[in-house]
Amino acid sequence: MAKKPTARSEYVMFDVIYEDGSQRSNRKVEAHLLGGLDGDEPARTAIMDQDRAISEKSGLPPLQIKTIRRSGK
């Protein structure tokens, strides 16, 4: 039996550089959050939310983001 089609989310990948010099590559942000007048700035908020969730699970404080840029640029 065929599966029902599910809604697909499009993602944009970002490289994140933190204040301590560490880097995380290919962080996913949903494409519908980006664009408009704010450009890629909503990606920072989405990645901070992801970091906060990871921090809660690991028990370590979240790192401060220095810069973000789209992967592959």
N, C-alpha and C. Protein backbone atom coordinates (compact mmCIF):
# COMPACT_ATOMS: atom_id res chain seq x y z
N MET A 1 0.84 -1.17 0.00
CA MET A 1 0.00 0.00 0.00
C MET A 1 0.89 1.24 0.00
N ALA A 2 0.52 2.23 -0.78
CA ALA A 2 1.32 3.45 -0.89
C ALA A 2 1.15 4.31 0.36
N LYS A 3 2.23 5.00 0.71
CA LYS A 3 2.18 5.91 1.86
C LYS A 3 1.55 7.23 1.43
N LYS A 4 0.93 7.89 2.40
CA LYS A 4 0.40 9.21 2.13
C LYS A 4 1.56 10.19 2.00
N PRO A 5 1.47 11.11 1.07
CA PRO A 5 2.55 12.10 0.97
C PRO A 5 2.54 13.02 2.20
N THR A 6 3.71 13.34 2.67
CA THR A 6 3.82 14.23 3.82
C THR A 6 4.33 15.58 3.36
N ALA A 7 4.04 16.59 4.14
CA ALA A 7 4.51 17.93 3.82
C ALA A 7 6.03 17.96 3.97
N ARG A 8 6.68 18.51 2.97
CA ARG A 8 8.14 18.59 3.01
C ARG A 8 8.55 19.99 3.43
N SER A 9 9.52 20.03 4.31
CA SER A 9 10.07 21.31 4.73
C SER A 9 11.38 21.52 3.99
N GLU A 10 11.56 22.71 3.49
CA GLU A 10 12.81 23.07 2.85
C GLU A 10 13.69 23.72 3.91
N TYR A 11 14.97 23.40 3.86
CA TYR A 11 15.92 23.91 4.84
C TYR A 11 17.05 24.66 4.14
N VAL A 12 17.61 25.61 4.86
CA VAL A 12 18.82 26.30 4.44
C VAL A 12 19.88 25.96 5.48
N MET A 13 21.08 25.64 5.01
CA MET A 13 22.15 25.24 5.91
C MET A 13 23.03 26.43 6.24
N PHE A 14 23.45 26.52 7.50
CA PHE A 14 24.30 27.61 7.96
C PHE A 14 25.52 27.08 8.68
N ASP A 15 26.64 27.80 8.56
CA ASP A 15 27.84 27.57 9.36
C ASP A 15 27.80 28.60 10.48
N VAL A 16 28.05 28.14 11.70
CA VAL A 16 27.99 29.01 12.87
C VAL A 16 29.36 29.06 13.51
N ILE A 17 29.86 30.26 13.77
CA ILE A 17 31.13 30.45 14.48
C ILE A 17 30.79 31.08 15.83
N TYR A 18 31.31 30.47 16.88
CA TYR A 18 31.01 30.91 18.24
C TYR A 18 32.14 31.80 18.77
N GLU A 19 31.85 32.53 19.85
CA GLU A 19 32.80 33.46 20.45
C GLU A 19 34.10 32.77 20.88
N ASP A 20 34.04 31.49 21.25
CA ASP A 20 35.25 30.78 21.68
C ASP A 20 36.08 30.28 20.50
N GLY A 21 35.65 30.56 19.26
CA GLY A 21 36.39 30.16 18.07
C GLY A 21 35.95 28.83 17.47
N SER A 22 35.08 28.11 18.14
CA SER A 22 34.61 26.83 17.60
C SER A 22 33.60 27.09 16.48
N GLN A 23 33.44 26.07 15.63
CA GLN A 23 32.53 26.20 14.49
C GLN A 23 31.67 24.96 14.38
N ARG A 24 30.41 25.16 14.03
CA ARG A 24 29.49 24.07 13.73
C ARG A 24 28.99 24.32 12.32
N SER A 25 29.09 23.32 11.49
CA SER A 25 28.69 23.45 10.08
C SER A 25 27.36 22.78 9.83
N ASN A 26 26.70 23.26 8.78
CA ASN A 26 25.46 22.66 8.27
C ASN A 26 24.34 22.60 9.30
N ARG A 27 24.12 23.70 9.99
CA ARG A 27 22.98 23.80 10.91
C ARG A 27 21.75 24.12 10.09
N LYS A 28 20.67 23.36 10.27
CA LYS A 28 19.45 23.51 9.48
C LYS A 28 18.55 24.59 10.06
N VAL A 29 18.03 25.43 9.15
CA VAL A 29 17.03 26.42 9.49
C VAL A 29 15.95 26.34 8.41
N GLU A 30 14.70 26.31 8.83
CA GLU A 30 13.61 26.21 7.86
C GLU A 30 13.59 27.44 6.96
N ALA A 31 13.47 27.20 5.66
CA ALA A 31 13.56 28.27 4.67
C ALA A 31 12.44 29.29 4.81
N HIS A 32 11.27 28.88 5.28
CA HIS A 32 10.16 29.83 5.37
C HIS A 32 10.42 30.92 6.40
N LEU A 33 11.39 30.72 7.32
CA LEU A 33 11.72 31.74 8.31
C LEU A 33 12.58 32.86 7.73
N LEU A 34 13.22 32.59 6.59
CA LEU A 34 14.20 33.51 6.03
C LEU A 34 13.60 34.38 4.95
N GLY A 35 14.36 35.40 4.58
CA GLY A 35 13.92 36.29 3.51
C GLY A 35 13.19 37.49 4.07
N GLY A 36 12.47 38.16 3.22
CA GLY A 36 11.75 39.34 3.66
C GLY A 36 12.70 40.46 4.04
N LEU A 37 12.24 41.36 4.85
CA LEU A 37 13.04 42.52 5.25
C LEU A 37 14.20 42.16 6.17
N ASP A 38 14.04 41.08 6.94
CA ASP A 38 15.07 40.69 7.90
C ASP A 38 16.17 39.83 7.29
N GLY A 39 16.01 39.36 6.07
CA GLY A 39 17.03 38.54 5.42
C GLY A 39 17.29 37.27 6.20
N ASP A 40 18.57 37.02 6.56
CA ASP A 40 18.96 35.81 7.27
C ASP A 40 18.99 36.00 8.78
N GLU A 41 18.62 37.17 9.28
CA GLU A 41 18.66 37.41 10.73
C GLU A 41 17.79 36.45 11.54
N PRO A 42 16.61 36.03 11.05
CA PRO A 42 15.83 35.05 11.81
C PRO A 42 16.57 33.72 12.01
N ALA A 43 17.57 33.43 11.18
CA ALA A 43 18.36 32.20 11.34
C ALA A 43 19.11 32.23 12.66
N ARG A 44 19.60 33.40 13.06
CA ARG A 44 20.32 33.52 14.33
C ARG A 44 19.41 33.12 15.49
N THR A 45 18.17 33.60 15.47
CA THR A 45 17.21 33.27 16.53
C THR A 45 16.90 31.77 16.53
N ALA A 46 16.70 31.20 15.35
CA ALA A 46 16.39 29.77 15.26
C ALA A 46 17.56 28.93 15.76
N ILE A 47 18.79 29.31 15.41
CA ILE A 47 19.96 28.56 15.85
C ILE A 47 20.16 28.73 17.35
N MET A 48 19.89 29.92 17.88
CA MET A 48 19.98 30.13 19.33
C MET A 48 18.97 29.24 20.06
N ASP A 49 17.78 29.09 19.50
CA ASP A 49 16.77 28.20 20.09
C ASP A 49 17.24 26.75 20.07
N GLN A 50 17.86 26.34 18.95
CA GLN A 50 18.41 24.99 18.86
C GLN A 50 19.51 24.79 19.90
N ASP A 51 20.40 25.78 20.03
CA ASP A 51 21.49 25.69 21.01
C ASP A 51 20.96 25.60 22.43
N ARG A 52 19.89 26.36 22.71
CA ARG A 52 19.30 26.34 24.05
C ARG A 52 18.73 24.95 24.36
N ALA A 53 18.09 24.32 23.39
CA ALA A 53 17.54 22.98 23.60
C ALA A 53 18.66 21.96 23.81
N ILE A 54 19.72 22.08 23.03
CA ILE A 54 20.88 21.18 23.18
C ILE A 54 21.51 21.38 24.55
N SER A 55 21.61 22.63 24.98
CA SER A 55 22.20 22.96 26.26
C SER A 55 21.41 22.35 27.42
N GLU A 56 20.09 22.43 27.33
CA GLU A 56 19.26 21.85 28.39
C GLU A 56 19.46 20.35 28.50
N LYS A 57 19.63 19.68 27.38
CA LYS A 57 19.81 18.23 27.39
C LYS A 57 21.20 17.84 27.87
N SER A 58 22.22 18.64 27.52
CA SER A 58 23.59 18.28 27.87
C SER A 58 24.00 18.79 29.25
N GLY A 59 23.30 19.81 29.74
CA GLY A 59 23.67 20.38 31.03
C GLY A 59 24.79 21.40 30.94
N LEU A 60 25.25 21.71 29.74
CA LEU A 60 26.31 22.70 29.53
C LEU A 60 25.68 24.02 29.08
N PRO A 61 26.28 25.15 29.45
CA PRO A 61 25.71 26.42 29.01
C PRO A 61 25.87 26.61 27.50
N PRO A 62 24.92 27.29 26.85
CA PRO A 62 25.04 27.51 25.40
C PRO A 62 26.17 28.49 25.10
N LEU A 63 26.80 28.31 23.96
CA LEU A 63 27.87 29.20 23.53
C LEU A 63 27.27 30.44 22.86
N GLN A 64 27.99 31.54 22.95
CA GLN A 64 27.55 32.78 22.31
C GLN A 64 27.93 32.76 20.84
N ILE A 65 27.00 33.08 19.97
CA ILE A 65 27.24 33.08 18.53
C ILE A 65 27.97 34.36 18.14
N LYS A 66 29.06 34.19 17.40
CA LYS A 66 29.80 35.34 16.88
C LYS A 66 29.28 35.72 15.49
N THR A 67 29.28 34.76 14.57
CA THR A 67 28.78 35.01 13.21
C THR A 67 28.07 33.78 12.67
N ILE A 68 27.18 34.02 11.73
CA ILE A 68 26.56 32.93 10.97
C ILE A 68 26.66 33.29 9.50
N ARG A 69 26.77 32.26 8.68
CA ARG A 69 26.75 32.47 7.22
C ARG A 69 26.21 31.21 6.58
N ARG A 70 25.63 31.39 5.41
CA ARG A 70 25.10 30.22 4.70
C ARG A 70 26.24 29.29 4.32
N SER A 71 25.99 28.00 4.47
CA SER A 71 27.00 27.00 4.10
C SER A 71 27.27 27.07 2.61
N GLY A 72 28.50 26.84 2.24
CA GLY A 72 28.87 26.80 0.83
C GLY A 72 29.23 28.14 0.25
N LYS A 73 29.25 29.19 1.05
CA LYS A 73 29.62 30.51 0.53
C LYS A 73 31.04 30.84 0.88
